[in-house]
Amino acid sequence: LHAKSGEGGRLFGSVTSKQIADELKKSHNIKLDKRKLDLPDGIRSLGVTNVPVRLHPEVSATVKVQVTEQ
């Protein structure tokens, strides 16, 4: 994902679970409900972040999200 950032790699705003779900659909044709992503506050810095995904009550996975400067 690409986002605008300021000094020190801090983002203006944050990357939300809706943006991550939309990008997964667009780039990889993976349809995933944004509520399945366990991202309470959003991503607020550049770099790679591991985002837990609850696919089923007994099944979970991790998605690596890389945020780069726009």
N, C-alpha and C. Protein backbone atom coordinates (compact mmCIF):
# COMPACT_ATOMS: atom_id res chain seq x y z
N LEU A 1 0.83 -1.18 0.00
CA LEU A 1 0.00 0.00 0.00
C LEU A 1 0.87 1.23 0.00
N HIS A 2 0.38 2.31 -0.57
CA HIS A 2 1.09 3.58 -0.60
C HIS A 2 0.32 4.59 0.24
N ALA A 3 1.05 5.41 1.01
CA ALA A 3 0.40 6.42 1.84
C ALA A 3 1.32 7.63 1.96
N LYS A 4 0.74 8.79 2.18
CA LYS A 4 1.52 10.01 2.39
C LYS A 4 2.10 10.00 3.80
N SER A 5 3.36 10.40 3.91
CA SER A 5 3.99 10.38 5.23
C SER A 5 4.77 11.66 5.46
N GLY A 6 5.02 11.92 6.74
CA GLY A 6 5.78 13.09 7.14
C GLY A 6 7.17 12.67 7.59
N GLU A 7 7.76 13.47 8.43
CA GLU A 7 9.10 13.18 8.92
C GLU A 7 9.09 11.97 9.84
N GLY A 8 10.14 11.19 9.79
CA GLY A 8 10.28 10.03 10.66
C GLY A 8 9.43 8.84 10.26
N GLY A 9 8.85 8.85 9.06
CA GLY A 9 8.05 7.72 8.61
C GLY A 9 6.66 7.65 9.19
N ARG A 10 6.20 8.72 9.84
CA ARG A 10 4.84 8.75 10.39
C ARG A 10 3.87 9.11 9.26
N LEU A 11 2.75 8.42 9.23
CA LEU A 11 1.75 8.65 8.19
C LEU A 11 0.82 9.80 8.56
N PHE A 12 0.30 10.47 7.53
CA PHE A 12 -0.77 11.44 7.73
C PHE A 12 -2.05 10.61 7.76
N GLY A 13 -2.64 10.41 8.92
CA GLY A 13 -3.78 9.51 9.06
C GLY A 13 -3.28 8.11 9.33
N SER A 14 -3.99 7.11 8.81
CA SER A 14 -3.57 5.73 9.02
C SER A 14 -4.10 4.85 7.89
N VAL A 15 -3.52 3.66 7.78
CA VAL A 15 -4.00 2.66 6.83
C VAL A 15 -5.01 1.80 7.57
N THR A 16 -6.22 1.71 7.05
CA THR A 16 -7.30 1.01 7.74
C THR A 16 -7.48 -0.41 7.20
N SER A 17 -8.26 -1.20 7.90
CA SER A 17 -8.53 -2.56 7.45
C SER A 17 -9.32 -2.57 6.15
N LYS A 18 -10.13 -1.57 5.90
CA LYS A 18 -10.87 -1.48 4.64
C LYS A 18 -9.91 -1.29 3.47
N GLN A 19 -8.89 -0.44 3.65
CA GLN A 19 -7.91 -0.23 2.60
C GLN A 19 -7.13 -1.52 2.32
N ILE A 20 -6.79 -2.27 3.36
CA ILE A 20 -6.06 -3.52 3.19
C ILE A 20 -6.93 -4.54 2.45
N ALA A 21 -8.20 -4.66 2.84
CA ALA A 21 -9.11 -5.60 2.19
C ALA A 21 -9.32 -5.23 0.71
N ASP A 22 -9.45 -3.93 0.43
CA ASP A 22 -9.62 -3.48 -0.96
C ASP A 22 -8.39 -3.79 -1.80
N GLU A 23 -7.20 -3.60 -1.23
CA GLU A 23 -5.96 -3.87 -1.96
C GLU A 23 -5.78 -5.37 -2.21
N LEU A 24 -6.14 -6.20 -1.23
CA LEU A 24 -6.08 -7.65 -1.44
C LEU A 24 -6.99 -8.08 -2.58
N LYS A 25 -8.18 -7.49 -2.65
CA LYS A 25 -9.13 -7.80 -3.72
C LYS A 25 -8.58 -7.36 -5.07
N LYS A 26 -8.03 -6.15 -5.13
CA LYS A 26 -7.54 -5.60 -6.39
C LYS A 26 -6.27 -6.30 -6.87
N SER A 27 -5.31 -6.51 -6.00
CA SER A 27 -4.01 -7.04 -6.40
C SER A 27 -3.98 -8.56 -6.54
N HIS A 28 -4.64 -9.26 -5.62
CA HIS A 28 -4.51 -10.72 -5.57
C HIS A 28 -5.82 -11.46 -5.77
N ASN A 29 -6.92 -10.73 -6.00
CA ASN A 29 -8.24 -11.31 -6.18
C ASN A 29 -8.65 -12.17 -4.98
N ILE A 30 -8.29 -11.70 -3.77
CA ILE A 30 -8.66 -12.36 -2.53
C ILE A 30 -9.76 -11.54 -1.88
N LYS A 31 -10.96 -12.12 -1.79
CA LYS A 31 -12.08 -11.42 -1.18
C LYS A 31 -12.06 -11.71 0.32
N LEU A 32 -11.87 -10.67 1.12
CA LEU A 32 -11.77 -10.82 2.57
C LEU A 32 -12.56 -9.70 3.23
N ASP A 33 -13.39 -10.04 4.18
CA ASP A 33 -14.18 -9.04 4.90
C ASP A 33 -13.26 -8.24 5.81
N LYS A 34 -13.41 -6.93 5.82
CA LYS A 34 -12.54 -6.07 6.63
C LYS A 34 -12.66 -6.38 8.12
N ARG A 35 -13.80 -6.92 8.55
CA ARG A 35 -13.99 -7.24 9.97
C ARG A 35 -13.17 -8.45 10.40
N LYS A 36 -12.66 -9.23 9.45
CA LYS A 36 -11.83 -10.39 9.77
C LYS A 36 -10.40 -9.98 10.12
N LEU A 37 -10.00 -8.77 9.70
CA LEU A 37 -8.66 -8.27 10.00
C LEU A 37 -8.63 -7.72 11.41
N ASP A 38 -7.68 -8.17 12.21
CA ASP A 38 -7.57 -7.74 13.60
C ASP A 38 -6.63 -6.54 13.69
N LEU A 39 -7.16 -5.38 13.31
CA LEU A 39 -6.38 -4.15 13.26
C LEU A 39 -7.17 -3.05 13.96
N PRO A 40 -7.09 -2.96 15.29
CA PRO A 40 -7.95 -2.03 16.03
C PRO A 40 -7.69 -0.56 15.76
N ASP A 41 -6.43 -0.15 15.60
CA ASP A 41 -6.13 1.28 15.46
C ASP A 41 -5.62 1.69 14.09
N GLY A 42 -5.40 0.76 13.19
CA GLY A 42 -4.84 1.09 11.89
C GLY A 42 -3.32 1.14 11.96
N ILE A 43 -2.69 1.25 10.80
CA ILE A 43 -1.23 1.31 10.70
C ILE A 43 -0.85 2.77 10.54
N ARG A 44 0.05 3.26 11.38
CA ARG A 44 0.40 4.67 11.37
C ARG A 44 1.85 4.97 11.00
N SER A 45 2.59 3.95 10.51
CA SER A 45 3.99 4.19 10.15
C SER A 45 4.35 3.38 8.91
N LEU A 46 5.41 3.79 8.24
CA LEU A 46 5.90 3.09 7.06
C LEU A 46 6.56 1.79 7.48
N GLY A 47 6.66 0.85 6.55
CA GLY A 47 7.33 -0.41 6.82
C GLY A 47 6.37 -1.58 6.74
N VAL A 48 6.85 -2.74 7.21
CA VAL A 48 6.07 -3.98 7.16
C VAL A 48 5.40 -4.21 8.51
N THR A 49 4.12 -4.52 8.48
CA THR A 49 3.35 -4.81 9.69
C THR A 49 2.64 -6.14 9.53
N ASN A 50 2.73 -6.99 10.52
CA ASN A 50 2.00 -8.26 10.52
C ASN A 50 0.59 -8.02 11.04
N VAL A 51 -0.40 -8.37 10.25
CA VAL A 51 -1.80 -8.16 10.61
C VAL A 51 -2.47 -9.53 10.78
N PRO A 52 -2.94 -9.85 11.99
CA PRO A 52 -3.65 -11.13 12.20
C PRO A 52 -5.01 -11.12 11.50
N VAL A 53 -5.36 -12.27 10.92
CA VAL A 53 -6.65 -12.43 10.23
C VAL A 53 -7.37 -13.62 10.86
N ARG A 54 -8.62 -13.40 11.27
CA ARG A 54 -9.44 -14.47 11.83
C ARG A 54 -10.34 -15.02 10.72
N LEU A 55 -9.96 -16.14 10.14
CA LEU A 55 -10.72 -16.71 9.04
C LEU A 55 -11.91 -17.53 9.54
N HIS A 56 -11.76 -18.11 10.71
CA HIS A 56 -12.76 -18.98 11.31
C HIS A 56 -12.45 -18.98 12.80
N PRO A 57 -13.38 -19.31 13.67
CA PRO A 57 -13.07 -19.31 15.10
C PRO A 57 -11.84 -20.16 15.47
N GLU A 58 -11.59 -21.22 14.71
CA GLU A 58 -10.44 -22.07 15.00
C GLU A 58 -9.28 -21.87 14.04
N VAL A 59 -9.43 -21.00 13.05
CA VAL A 59 -8.40 -20.81 12.04
C VAL A 59 -8.01 -19.33 11.97
N SER A 60 -6.72 -19.07 12.12
CA SER A 60 -6.24 -17.70 11.97
C SER A 60 -4.98 -17.71 11.12
N ALA A 61 -4.68 -16.57 10.55
CA ALA A 61 -3.51 -16.43 9.69
C ALA A 61 -2.92 -15.05 9.92
N THR A 62 -1.78 -14.80 9.30
CA THR A 62 -1.14 -13.49 9.39
C THR A 62 -0.84 -12.99 7.98
N VAL A 63 -1.17 -11.73 7.73
CA VAL A 63 -0.89 -11.08 6.46
C VAL A 63 0.16 -10.01 6.70
N LYS A 64 1.21 -10.00 5.90
CA LYS A 64 2.23 -8.96 6.01
C LYS A 64 1.83 -7.81 5.10
N VAL A 65 1.69 -6.63 5.67
CA VAL A 65 1.29 -5.45 4.93
C VAL A 65 2.48 -4.49 4.88
N GLN A 66 2.92 -4.16 3.67
CA GLN A 66 4.04 -3.23 3.51
C GLN A 66 3.48 -1.88 3.08
N VAL A 67 3.76 -0.87 3.90
CA VAL A 67 3.32 0.49 3.60
C VAL A 67 4.53 1.29 3.13
N THR A 68 4.44 1.86 1.92
CA THR A 68 5.53 2.66 1.38
C THR A 68 5.05 4.08 1.16
N GLU A 69 6.01 4.99 1.01
CA GLU A 69 5.68 6.40 0.83
C GLU A 69 5.14 6.63 -0.57
N GLN A 70 4.14 7.47 -0.65
CA GLN A 70 3.48 7.76 -1.94
C GLN A 70 4.27 8.74 -2.74
